[in-house]
Amino acid sequence: MGSHVQSSGFRPEMLRQSWQRSQASGGLDLRTQAPELSREAFSLALDRAGRLRHAARAMMQRAAGLFDGGDAMVLICDPEGVVIEAGGAAPVLRRAERNNLQPGGC
């Protein structure tokens, strides 16, 4: 691959270098679904995220109407990447659950 830059600004050598860095750091994650915490671990995560949940509650309630009929969602995650809350239109949330983008997923 040369240093050819496509009209989008995409440079193939940058992609190759990214894959090489990923492989050098331990390989690529080939999972097809996000991991999920056990009930006990999720309960602990919810306890630790009490302030976050409290702060996000009002925003999630105000935003709920924005998702009706749309194709978007919002995830509230703790610093470890555990999904604490998920909001969006029901069809979007159902699709997200297939990839474990739901409370308790990481």
PDB file of N, CA and C in Angstrom:
ATOM      1  N   MET A   1       0.838  -1.172   0.000  1.00  0.00           N
ATOM      2  CA  MET A   1       0.000   0.000   0.000  1.00  0.00           C
ATOM      3  C   MET A   1       0.884   1.236   0.000  1.00  0.00           C
ATOM      4  N   GLY A   2       0.555   2.177  -0.838  1.00  0.00           N
ATOM      5  CA  GLY A   2       1.324   3.401  -0.904  1.00  0.00           C
ATOM      6  C   GLY A   2       0.775   4.433   0.057  1.00  0.00           C
ATOM      7  N   SER A   3       1.189   5.654  -0.114  1.00  0.00           N
ATOM      8  CA  SER A   3       0.713   6.724   0.754  1.00  0.00           C
ATOM      9  C   SER A   3      -0.491   7.430   0.137  1.00  0.00           C
ATOM     10  N   HIS A   4      -1.224   6.697  -0.655  1.00  0.00           N
ATOM     11  CA  HIS A   4      -2.410   7.203  -1.345  1.00  0.00           C
ATOM     12  C   HIS A   4      -3.456   7.657  -0.326  1.00  0.00           C
ATOM     13  N   VAL A   5      -4.009   8.839  -0.508  1.00  0.00           N
ATOM     14  CA  VAL A   5      -5.062   9.358   0.350  1.00  0.00           C
ATOM     15  C   VAL A   5      -6.338   9.430  -0.472  1.00  0.00           C
ATOM     16  N   GLN A   6      -7.362   8.730  -0.009  1.00  0.00           N
ATOM     17  CA  GLN A   6      -8.636   8.759  -0.701  1.00  0.00           C
ATOM     18  C   GLN A   6      -9.338  10.073  -0.393  1.00  0.00           C
ATOM     19  N   SER A   7     -10.363  10.403  -1.148  1.00  0.00           N
ATOM     20  CA  SER A   7     -11.059  11.671  -0.986  1.00  0.00           C
ATOM     21  C   SER A   7     -11.622  11.858   0.423  1.00  0.00           C
ATOM     22  N   SER A   8     -11.876  10.782   1.150  1.00  0.00           N
ATOM     23  CA  SER A   8     -12.401  10.890   2.506  1.00  0.00           C
ATOM     24  C   SER A   8     -11.317  11.215   3.518  1.00  0.00           C
ATOM     25  N   GLY A   9     -10.054  11.238   3.096  1.00  0.00           N
ATOM     26  CA  GLY A   9      -8.955  11.453   4.024  1.00  0.00           C
ATOM     27  C   GLY A   9      -8.423  10.150   4.602  1.00  0.00           C
ATOM     28  N   PHE A  10      -9.060   9.047   4.287  1.00  0.00           N
ATOM     29  CA  PHE A  10      -8.645   7.733   4.762  1.00  0.00           C
ATOM     30  C   PHE A  10      -7.327   7.330   4.112  1.00  0.00           C
ATOM     31  N   ARG A  11      -6.384   6.894   4.932  1.00  0.00           N
ATOM     32  CA  ARG A  11      -5.099   6.440   4.393  1.00  0.00           C
ATOM     33  C   ARG A  11      -4.923   4.967   4.766  1.00  0.00           C
ATOM     34  N   PRO A  12      -4.882   4.075   3.776  1.00  0.00           N
ATOM     35  CA  PRO A  12      -4.788   2.634   4.048  1.00  0.00           C
ATOM     36  C   PRO A  12      -3.621   2.264   4.953  1.00  0.00           C
ATOM     37  N   GLU A  13      -2.494   2.960   4.846  1.00  0.00           N
ATOM     38  CA  GLU A  13      -1.354   2.593   5.691  1.00  0.00           C
ATOM     39  C   GLU A  13      -1.641   2.872   7.163  1.00  0.00           C
ATOM     40  N   MET A  14      -2.502   3.839   7.451  1.00  0.00           N
ATOM     41  CA  MET A  14      -2.868   4.112   8.838  1.00  0.00           C
ATOM     42  C   MET A  14      -3.689   2.957   9.410  1.00  0.00           C
ATOM     43  N   LEU A  15      -4.572   2.408   8.589  1.00  0.00           N
ATOM     44  CA  LEU A  15      -5.361   1.263   9.026  1.00  0.00           C
ATOM     45  C   LEU A  15      -4.451   0.070   9.303  1.00  0.00           C
ATOM     46  N   ARG A  16      -3.523  -0.200   8.392  1.00  0.00           N
ATOM     47  CA  ARG A  16      -2.596  -1.319   8.571  1.00  0.00           C
ATOM     48  C   ARG A  16      -1.780  -1.123   9.852  1.00  0.00           C
ATOM     49  N   GLN A  17      -1.291   0.074  10.087  1.00  0.00           N
ATOM     50  CA  GLN A  17      -0.502   0.351  11.287  1.00  0.00           C
ATOM     51  C   GLN A  17      -1.334   0.157  12.550  1.00  0.00           C
ATOM     52  N   SER A  18      -2.597   0.539  12.506  1.00  0.00           N
ATOM     53  CA  SER A  18      -3.484   0.349  13.652  1.00  0.00           C
ATOM     54  C   SER A  18      -3.656  -1.130  13.964  1.00  0.00           C
ATOM     55  N   TRP A  19      -3.887  -1.944  12.938  1.00  0.00           N
ATOM     56  CA  TRP A  19      -4.036  -3.394  13.142  1.00  0.00           C
ATOM     57  C   TRP A  19      -2.740  -3.979  13.692  1.00  0.00           C
ATOM     58  N   GLN A  20      -1.614  -3.526  13.200  1.00  0.00           N
ATOM     59  CA  GLN A  20      -0.329  -4.031  13.676  1.00  0.00           C
ATOM     60  C   GLN A  20      -0.128  -3.676  15.146  1.00  0.00           C
ATOM     61  N   ARG A  21      -0.486  -2.471  15.550  1.00  0.00           N
ATOM     62  CA  ARG A  21      -0.373  -2.089  16.964  1.00  0.00           C
ATOM     63  C   ARG A  21      -1.290  -2.953  17.824  1.00  0.00           C
ATOM     64  N   SER A  22      -2.503  -3.209  17.344  1.00  0.00           N
ATOM     65  CA  SER A  22      -3.441  -4.038  18.097  1.00  0.00           C
ATOM     66  C   SER A  22      -2.910  -5.452  18.277  1.00  0.00           C
ATOM     67  N   GLN A  23      -2.371  -6.029  17.228  1.00  0.00           N
ATOM     68  CA  GLN A  23      -1.816  -7.376  17.317  1.00  0.00           C
ATOM     69  C   GLN A  23      -0.618  -7.413  18.255  1.00  0.00           C
ATOM     70  N   ALA A  24       0.226  -6.400  18.206  1.00  0.00           N
ATOM     71  CA  ALA A  24       1.420  -6.352  19.056  1.00  0.00           C
ATOM     72  C   ALA A  24       1.056  -6.204  20.531  1.00  0.00           C
ATOM     73  N   SER A  25      -0.082  -5.619  20.816  1.00  0.00           N
ATOM     74  CA  SER A  25      -0.478  -5.401  22.210  1.00  0.00           C
ATOM     75  C   SER A  25      -1.291  -6.554  22.778  1.00  0.00           C
ATOM     76  N   GLY A  26      -1.331  -7.679  22.107  1.00  0.00           N
ATOM     77  CA  GLY A  26      -2.037  -8.828  22.652  1.00  0.00           C
ATOM     78  C   GLY A  26      -3.115  -9.366  21.752  1.00  0.00           C
ATOM     79  N   GLY A  27      -3.244  -8.809  20.597  1.00  0.00           N
ATOM     80  CA  GLY A  27      -4.213  -9.335  19.644  1.00  0.00           C
ATOM     81  C   GLY A  27      -5.522  -8.594  19.666  1.00  0.00           C
ATOM     82  N   LEU A  28      -6.368  -8.984  18.782  1.00  0.00           N
ATOM     83  CA  LEU A  28      -7.668  -8.360  18.626  1.00  0.00           C
ATOM     84  C   LEU A  28      -8.712  -9.165  19.373  1.00  0.00           C
ATOM     85  N   ASP A  29      -9.671  -8.484  19.932  1.00  0.00           N
ATOM     86  CA  ASP A  29     -10.763  -9.134  20.643  1.00  0.00           C
ATOM     87  C   ASP A  29     -11.779  -9.614  19.615  1.00  0.00           C
ATOM     88  N   LEU A  30     -11.981 -10.910  19.543  1.00  0.00           N
ATOM     89  CA  LEU A  30     -12.868 -11.477  18.524  1.00  0.00           C
ATOM     90  C   LEU A  30     -14.271 -11.779  19.046  1.00  0.00           C
ATOM     91  N   ARG A  31     -14.605 -11.253  20.232  1.00  0.00           N
ATOM     92  CA  ARG A  31     -15.946 -11.476  20.766  1.00  0.00           C
ATOM     93  C   ARG A  31     -16.990 -10.878  19.840  1.00  0.00           C
ATOM     94  N   THR A  32     -18.136 -11.496  19.808  1.00  0.00           N
ATOM     95  CA  THR A  32     -19.237 -10.967  19.005  1.00  0.00           C
ATOM     96  C   THR A  32     -20.289 -10.300  19.878  1.00  0.00           C
ATOM     97  N   GLN A  33     -20.091 -10.352  21.192  1.00  0.00           N
ATOM     98  CA  GLN A  33     -21.044  -9.747  22.117  1.00  0.00           C
ATOM     99  C   GLN A  33     -20.263  -9.194  23.308  1.00  0.00           C
ATOM    100  N   ALA A  34     -20.695  -8.045  23.803  1.00  0.00           N
ATOM    101  CA  ALA A  34     -20.050  -7.452  24.967  1.00  0.00           C
ATOM    102  C   ALA A  34     -20.237  -8.370  26.172  1.00  0.00           C
ATOM    103  N   PRO A  35     -19.246  -8.412  27.050  1.00  0.00           N
ATOM    104  CA  PRO A  35     -19.397  -9.250  28.252  1.00  0.00           C
ATOM    105  C   PRO A  35     -20.481  -8.701  29.174  1.00  0.00           C
ATOM    106  N   GLU A  36     -20.936  -9.535  30.073  1.00  0.00           N
ATOM    107  CA  GLU A  36     -21.987  -9.148  31.021  1.00  0.00           C
ATOM    108  C   GLU A  36     -21.539  -9.513  32.424  1.00  0.00           C
ATOM    109  N   LEU A  37     -21.830  -8.631  33.375  1.00  0.00           N
ATOM    110  CA  LEU A  37     -21.510  -8.908  34.766  1.00  0.00           C
ATOM    111  C   LEU A  37     -22.512  -9.893  35.360  1.00  0.00           C
ATOM    112  N   SER A  38     -22.083 -10.596  36.379  1.00  0.00           N
ATOM    113  CA  SER A  38     -23.011 -11.433  37.144  1.00  0.00           C
ATOM    114  C   SER A  38     -23.969 -10.501  37.888  1.00  0.00           C
ATOM    115  N   ARG A  39     -25.063 -11.035  38.381  1.00  0.00           N
ATOM    116  CA  ARG A  39     -26.029 -10.213  39.130  1.00  0.00           C
ATOM    117  C   ARG A  39     -25.361  -9.559  40.339  1.00  0.00           C
ATOM    118  N   GLU A  40     -24.549 -10.340  41.018  1.00  0.00           N
ATOM    119  CA  GLU A  40     -23.873  -9.827  42.217  1.00  0.00           C
ATOM    120  C   GLU A  40     -22.902  -8.698  41.861  1.00  0.00           C
ATOM    121  N   ALA A  41     -22.110  -8.903  40.835  1.00  0.00           N
ATOM    122  CA  ALA A  41     -21.150  -7.872  40.417  1.00  0.00           C
ATOM    123  C   ALA A  41     -21.879  -6.624  39.921  1.00  0.00           C
ATOM    124  N   PHE A  42     -22.996  -6.799  39.224  1.00  0.00           N
ATOM    125  CA  PHE A  42     -23.762  -5.650  38.747  1.00  0.00           C
ATOM    126  C   PHE A  42     -24.371  -4.893  39.916  1.00  0.00           C
ATOM    127  N   SER A  43     -24.855  -5.606  40.893  1.00  0.00           N
ATOM    128  CA  SER A  43     -25.412  -4.966  42.081  1.00  0.00           C
ATOM    129  C   SER A  43     -24.352  -4.110  42.776  1.00  0.00           C
ATOM    130  N   LEU A  44     -23.134  -4.622  42.876  1.00  0.00           N
ATOM    131  CA  LEU A  44     -22.034  -3.846  43.458  1.00  0.00           C
ATOM    132  C   LEU A  44     -21.720  -2.621  42.604  1.00  0.00           C
ATOM    133  N   ALA A  45     -21.730  -2.791  41.283  1.00  0.00           N
ATOM    134  CA  ALA A  45     -21.470  -1.665  40.380  1.00  0.00           C
ATOM    135  C   ALA A  45     -22.541  -0.589  40.549  1.00  0.00           C
ATOM    136  N   LEU A  46     -23.799  -1.007  40.688  1.00  0.00           N
ATOM    137  CA  LEU A  46     -24.879  -0.040  40.904  1.00  0.00           C
ATOM    138  C   LEU A  46     -24.686   0.713  42.209  1.00  0.00           C
ATOM    139  N   ASP A  47     -24.283   0.005  43.257  1.00  0.00           N
ATOM    140  CA  ASP A  47     -24.032   0.657  44.542  1.00  0.00           C
ATOM    141  C   ASP A  47     -22.915   1.688  44.417  1.00  0.00           C
ATOM    142  N   ARG A  48     -21.831   1.317  43.744  1.00  0.00           N
ATOM    143  CA  ARG A  48     -20.694   2.236  43.578  1.00  0.00           C
ATOM    144  C   ARG A  48     -21.070   3.443  42.717  1.00  0.00           C
ATOM    145  N   ALA A  49     -22.018   3.269  41.816  1.00  0.00           N
ATOM    146  CA  ALA A  49     -22.406   4.339  40.892  1.00  0.00           C
ATOM    147  C   ALA A  49     -23.614   5.128  41.390  1.00  0.00           C
ATOM    148  N   GLY A  50     -23.887   5.084  42.677  1.00  0.00           N
ATOM    149  CA  GLY A  50     -25.066   5.761  43.216  1.00  0.00           C
ATOM    150  C   GLY A  50     -25.142   7.237  42.861  1.00  0.00           C
ATOM    151  N   ARG A  51     -24.038   7.958  43.009  1.00  0.00           N
ATOM    152  CA  ARG A  51     -24.036   9.392  42.688  1.00  0.00           C
ATOM    153  C   ARG A  51     -24.255   9.618  41.193  1.00  0.00           C
ATOM    154  N   LEU A  52     -23.629   8.789  40.363  1.00  0.00           N
ATOM    155  CA  LEU A  52     -23.801   8.890  38.918  1.00  0.00           C
ATOM    156  C   LEU A  52     -25.257   8.632  38.543  1.00  0.00           C
ATOM    157  N   ARG A  53     -25.842   7.595  39.102  1.00  0.00           N
ATOM    158  CA  ARG A  53     -27.234   7.263  38.807  1.00  0.00           C
ATOM    159  C   ARG A  53     -28.159   8.401  39.208  1.00  0.00           C
ATOM    160  N   HIS A  54     -27.910   8.980  40.373  1.00  0.00           N
ATOM    161  CA  HIS A  54     -28.732  10.081  40.848  1.00  0.00           C
ATOM    162  C   HIS A  54     -28.610  11.284  39.904  1.00  0.00           C
ATOM    163  N   ALA A  55     -27.391  11.610  39.506  1.00  0.00           N
ATOM    164  CA  ALA A  55     -27.154  12.747  38.616  1.00  0.00           C
ATOM    165  C   ALA A  55     -27.764  12.511  37.239  1.00  0.00           C
ATOM    166  N   ALA A  56     -27.735  11.286  36.764  1.00  0.00           N
ATOM    167  CA  ALA A  56     -28.221  10.973  35.414  1.00  0.00           C
ATOM    168  C   ALA A  56     -29.735  10.807  35.354  1.00  0.00           C
ATOM    169  N   ARG A  57     -30.362  10.547  36.472  1.00  0.00           N
ATOM    170  CA  ARG A  57     -31.796  10.240  36.485  1.00  0.00           C
ATOM    171  C   ARG A  57     -32.629  11.352  35.845  1.00  0.00           C
ATOM    172  N   ALA A  58     -32.407  12.586  36.245  1.00  0.00           N
ATOM    173  CA  ALA A  58     -33.198  13.699  35.707  1.00  0.00           C
ATOM    174  C   ALA A  58     -32.950  13.872  34.213  1.00  0.00           C
ATOM    175  N   MET A  59     -31.690  13.748  33.799  1.00  0.00           N
ATOM    176  CA  MET A  59     -31.376  13.884  32.371  1.00  0.00           C
ATOM    177  C   MET A  59     -32.055  12.784  31.564  1.00  0.00           C
ATOM    178  N   MET A  60     -32.039  11.580  32.061  1.00  0.00           N
ATOM    179  CA  MET A  60     -32.668  10.463  31.349  1.00  0.00           C
ATOM    180  C   MET A  60     -34.171  10.689  31.239  1.00  0.00           C
ATOM    181  N   GLN A  61     -34.801  11.203  32.279  1.00  0.00           N
ATOM    182  CA  GLN A  61     -36.240  11.463  32.232  1.00  0.00           C
ATOM    183  C   GLN A  61     -36.565  12.573  31.235  1.00  0.00           C
ATOM    184  N   ARG A  62     -35.757  13.635  31.221  1.00  0.00           N
ATOM    185  CA  ARG A  62     -35.993  14.733  30.276  1.00  0.00           C
ATOM    186  C   ARG A  62     -35.758  14.281  28.834  1.00  0.00           C
ATOM    187  N   ALA A  63     -34.793  13.418  28.621  1.00  0.00           N
ATOM    188  CA  ALA A  63     -34.436  12.991  27.264  1.00  0.00           C
ATOM    189  C   ALA A  63     -35.348  11.894  26.725  1.00  0.00           C
ATOM    190  N   ALA A  64     -36.123  11.256  27.576  1.00  0.00           N
ATOM    191  CA  ALA A  64     -36.933  10.108  27.150  1.00  0.00           C
ATOM    192  C   ALA A  64     -37.783  10.428  25.930  1.00  0.00           C
ATOM    193  N   GLY A  65     -38.433  11.562  25.895  1.00  0.00           N
ATOM    194  CA  GLY A  65     -39.288  11.928  24.762  1.00  0.00           C
ATOM    195  C   GLY A  65     -38.514  12.167  23.483  1.00  0.00           C
ATOM    196  N   LEU A  66     -37.234  12.503  23.592  1.00  0.00           N
ATOM    197  CA  LEU A  66     -36.425  12.752  22.405  1.00  0.00           C
ATOM    198  C   LEU A  66     -36.182  11.480  21.598  1.00  0.00           C
ATOM    199  N   PHE A  67     -36.275  10.337  22.249  1.00  0.00           N
ATOM    200  CA  PHE A  67     -35.966   9.074  21.593  1.00  0.00           C
ATOM    201  C   PHE A  67     -37.147   8.456  20.858  1.00  0.00           C
ATOM    202  N   ASP A  68     -38.355   8.898  21.178  1.00  0.00           N
ATOM    203  CA  ASP A  68     -39.544   8.316  20.545  1.00  0.00           C
ATOM    204  C   ASP A  68     -39.447   8.393  19.036  1.00  0.00           C
ATOM    205  N   GLY A  69     -39.571   7.264  18.389  1.00  0.00           N
ATOM    206  CA  GLY A  69     -39.555   7.195  16.944  1.00  0.00           C
ATOM    207  C   GLY A  69     -38.183   7.377  16.317  1.00  0.00           C
ATOM    208  N   GLY A  70     -37.166   7.548  17.131  1.00  0.00           N
ATOM    209  CA  GLY A  70     -35.823   7.756  16.598  1.00  0.00           C
ATOM    210  C   GLY A  70     -35.023   6.468  16.554  1.00  0.00           C
ATOM    211  N   ASP A  71     -33.806   6.599  16.124  1.00  0.00           N
ATOM    212  CA  ASP A  71     -32.911   5.443  16.014  1.00  0.00           C
ATOM    213  C   ASP A  71     -31.635   5.713  16.804  1.00  0.00           C
ATOM    214  N   ALA A  72     -31.810   6.243  18.005  1.00  0.00           N
ATOM    215  CA  ALA A  72     -30.663   6.574  18.847  1.00  0.00           C
ATOM    216  C   ALA A  72     -30.929   6.087  20.265  1.00  0.00           C
ATOM    217  N   MET A  73     -29.861   5.986  21.012  1.00  0.00           N
ATOM    218  CA  MET A  73     -29.970   5.604  22.409  1.00  0.00           C
ATOM    219  C   MET A  73     -28.866   6.297  23.181  1.00  0.00           C
ATOM    220  N   VAL A  74     -28.979   6.282  24.484  1.00  0.00           N
ATOM    221  CA  VAL A  74     -27.942   6.815  25.353  1.00  0.00           C
ATOM    222  C   VAL A  74     -27.617   5.748  26.393  1.00  0.00           C
ATOM    223  N   LEU A  75     -26.327   5.603  26.667  1.00  0.00           N
ATOM    224  CA  LEU A  75     -25.866   4.685  27.697  1.00  0.00           C
ATOM    225  C   LEU A  75     -25.155   5.489  28.769  1.00  0.00           C
ATOM    226  N   ILE A  76     -25.443   5.215  30.008  1.00  0.00           N
ATOM    227  CA  ILE A  76     -24.719   5.792  31.130  1.00  0.00           C
ATOM    228  C   ILE A  76     -23.830   4.672  31.664  1.00  0.00           C
ATOM    229  N   CYS A  77     -22.530   4.897  31.636  1.00  0.00           N
ATOM    230  CA  CYS A  77     -21.567   3.868  32.037  1.00  0.00           C
ATOM    231  C   CYS A  77     -20.706   4.380  33.183  1.00  0.00           C
ATOM    232  N   ASP A  78     -20.294   3.467  34.053  1.00  0.00           N
ATOM    233  CA  ASP A  78     -19.383   3.843  35.128  1.00  0.00           C
ATOM    234  C   ASP A  78     -17.956   3.916  34.572  1.00  0.00           C
ATOM    235  N   PRO A  79     -16.995   4.328  35.374  1.00  0.00           N
ATOM    236  CA  PRO A  79     -15.615   4.460  34.868  1.00  0.00           C
ATOM    237  C   PRO A  79     -15.000   3.157  34.353  1.00  0.00           C
ATOM    238  N   GLU A  80     -15.528   2.017  34.762  1.00  0.00           N
ATOM    239  CA  GLU A  80     -15.019   0.727  34.286  1.00  0.00           C
ATOM    240  C   GLU A  80     -15.691   0.272  33.001  1.00  0.00           C
ATOM    241  N   GLY A  81     -16.657   1.051  32.513  1.00  0.00           N
ATOM    242  CA  GLY A  81     -17.337   0.708  31.270  1.00  0.00           C
ATOM    243  C   GLY A  81     -18.565  -0.155  31.452  1.00  0.00           C
ATOM    244  N   VAL A  82     -19.035  -0.311  32.680  1.00  0.00           N
ATOM    245  CA  VAL A  82     -20.258  -1.079  32.938  1.00  0.00           C
ATOM    246  C   VAL A  82     -21.452  -0.186  32.622  1.00  0.00           C
ATOM    247  N   VAL A  83     -22.377  -0.698  31.813  1.00  0.00           N
ATOM    248  CA  VAL A  83     -23.585   0.056  31.495  1.00  0.00           C
ATOM    249  C   VAL A  83     -24.482   0.068  32.724  1.00  0.00           C
ATOM    250  N   ILE A  84     -24.745   1.267  33.226  1.00  0.00           N
ATOM    251  CA  ILE A  84     -25.572   1.450  34.421  1.00  0.00           C
ATOM    252  C   ILE A  84     -27.022   1.720  34.032  1.00  0.00           C
ATOM    253  N   GLU A  85     -27.222   2.533  33.015  1.00  0.00           N
ATOM    254  CA  GLU A  85     -28.556   2.887  32.526  1.00  0.00           C
ATOM    255  C   GLU A  85     -28.537   2.913  31.006  1.00  0.00           C
ATOM    256  N   ALA A  86     -29.664   2.603  30.392  1.00  0.00           N
ATOM    257  CA  ALA A  86     -29.812   2.693  28.939  1.00  0.00           C
ATOM    258  C   ALA A  86     -31.161   3.334  28.653  1.00  0.00           C
ATOM    259  N   GLY A  87     -31.167   4.247  27.700  1.00  0.00           N
ATOM    260  CA  GLY A  87     -32.415   4.902  27.327  1.00  0.00           C
ATOM    261  C   GLY A  87     -32.525   5.002  25.825  1.00  0.00           C
ATOM    262  N   GLY A  88     -33.735   4.926  25.335  1.00  0.00           N
ATOM    263  CA  GLY A  88     -33.985   5.031  23.908  1.00  0.00           C
ATOM    264  C   GLY A  88     -35.336   4.444  23.573  1.00  0.00           C
ATOM    265  N   ALA A  89     -35.691   4.496  22.305  1.00  0.00           N
ATOM    266  CA  ALA A  89     -36.945   3.898  21.852  1.00  0.00           C
ATOM    267  C   ALA A  89     -36.868   2.379  22.036  1.00  0.00           C
ATOM    268  N   ALA A  90     -37.978   1.763  22.338  1.00  0.00           N
ATOM    269  CA  ALA A  90     -38.010   0.321  22.616  1.00  0.00           C
ATOM    270  C   ALA A  90     -37.375  -0.527  21.511  1.00  0.00           C
ATOM    271  N   PRO A  91     -37.641  -0.277  20.226  1.00  0.00           N
ATOM    272  CA  PRO A  91     -37.007  -1.109  19.196  1.00  0.00           C
ATOM    273  C   PRO A  91     -35.476  -0.984  19.191  1.00  0.00           C
ATOM    274  N   VAL A  92     -34.991   0.217  19.474  1.00  0.00           N
ATOM    275  CA  VAL A  92     -33.542   0.432  19.515  1.00  0.00           C
ATOM    276  C   VAL A  92     -32.940  -0.318  20.693  1.00  0.00           C
ATOM    277  N   LEU A  93     -33.590  -0.246  21.844  1.00  0.00           N
ATOM    278  CA  LEU A  93     -33.092  -0.944  23.032  1.00  0.00           C
ATOM    279  C   LEU A  93     -33.097  -2.457  22.829  1.00  0.00           C
ATOM    280  N   ARG A  94     -34.116  -2.981  22.147  1.00  0.00           N
ATOM    281  CA  ARG A  94     -34.158  -4.429  21.870  1.00  0.00           C
ATOM    282  C   ARG A  94     -32.986  -4.843  20.982  1.00  0.00           C
ATOM    283  N   ARG A  95     -32.698  -4.035  19.946  1.00  0.00           N
ATOM    284  CA  ARG A  95     -31.543  -4.342  19.081  1.00  0.00           C
ATOM    285  C   ARG A  95     -30.246  -4.263  19.868  1.00  0.00           C
ATOM    286  N   ALA A  96     -30.129  -3.279  20.744  1.00  0.00           N
ATOM    287  CA  ALA A  96     -28.909  -3.107  21.539  1.00  0.00           C
ATOM    288  C   ALA A  96     -28.695  -4.286  22.487  1.00  0.00           C
ATOM    289  N   GLU A  97     -29.768  -4.850  23.003  1.00  0.00           N
ATOM    290  CA  GLU A  97     -29.659  -5.989  23.921  1.00  0.00           C
ATOM    291  C   GLU A  97     -28.985  -7.186  23.251  1.00  0.00           C
ATOM    292  N   ARG A  98     -29.149  -7.320  21.939  1.00  0.00           N
ATOM    293  CA  ARG A  98     -28.508  -8.444  21.236  1.00  0.00           C
ATOM    294  C   ARG A  98     -26.993  -8.371  21.330  1.00  0.00           C
ATOM    295  N   ASN A  99     -26.457  -7.165  21.524  1.00  0.00           N
ATOM    296  CA  ASN A  99     -25.010  -6.988  21.682  1.00  0.00           C
ATOM    297  C   ASN A  99     -24.641  -6.688  23.130  1.00  0.00           C
ATOM    298  N   ASN A 100     -25.590  -6.893  24.012  1.00  0.00           N
ATOM    299  CA  ASN A 100     -25.407  -6.685  25.441  1.00  0.00           C
ATOM    300  C   ASN A 100     -25.163  -5.217  25.803  1.00  0.00           C
ATOM    301  N   LEU A 101     -25.663  -4.311  24.988  1.00  0.00           N
ATOM    302  CA  LEU A 101     -25.614  -2.883  25.312  1.00  0.00           C
ATOM    303  C   LEU A 101     -26.850  -2.588  26.144  1.00  0.00           C
ATOM    304  N   GLN A 102     -26.797  -3.004  27.383  1.00  0.00           N
ATOM    305  CA  GLN A 102     -27.894  -2.900  28.309  1.00  0.00           C
ATOM    306  C   GLN A 102     -27.315  -2.846  29.722  1.00  0.00           C
ATOM    307  N   PRO A 103     -28.101  -2.434  30.709  1.00  0.00           N
ATOM    308  CA  PRO A 103     -27.567  -2.421  32.064  1.00  0.00           C
ATOM    309  C   PRO A 103     -26.967  -3.786  32.445  1.00  0.00           C
ATOM    310  N   GLY A 104     -25.756  -3.703  32.959  1.00  0.00           N
ATOM    311  CA  GLY A 104     -25.014  -4.927  33.322  1.00  0.00           C
ATOM    312  C   GLY A 104     -24.017  -5.349  32.270  1.00  0.00           C
ATOM    313  N   GLY A 105     -24.148  -4.850  31.056  1.00  0.00           N
ATOM    314  CA  GLY A 105     -23.163  -5.148  30.006  1.00  0.00           C
ATOM    315  C   GLY A 105     -21.918  -4.299  30.223  1.00  0.00           C
ATOM    316  N   CYS A 106     -20.819  -4.756  29.680  1.00  0.00           N
ATOM    317  CA  CYS A 106     -19.580  -3.958  29.785  1.00  0.00           C
ATOM    318  C   CYS A 106     -18.900  -3.856  28.437  1.00  0.00           C
TER     319      CYS A 106
END
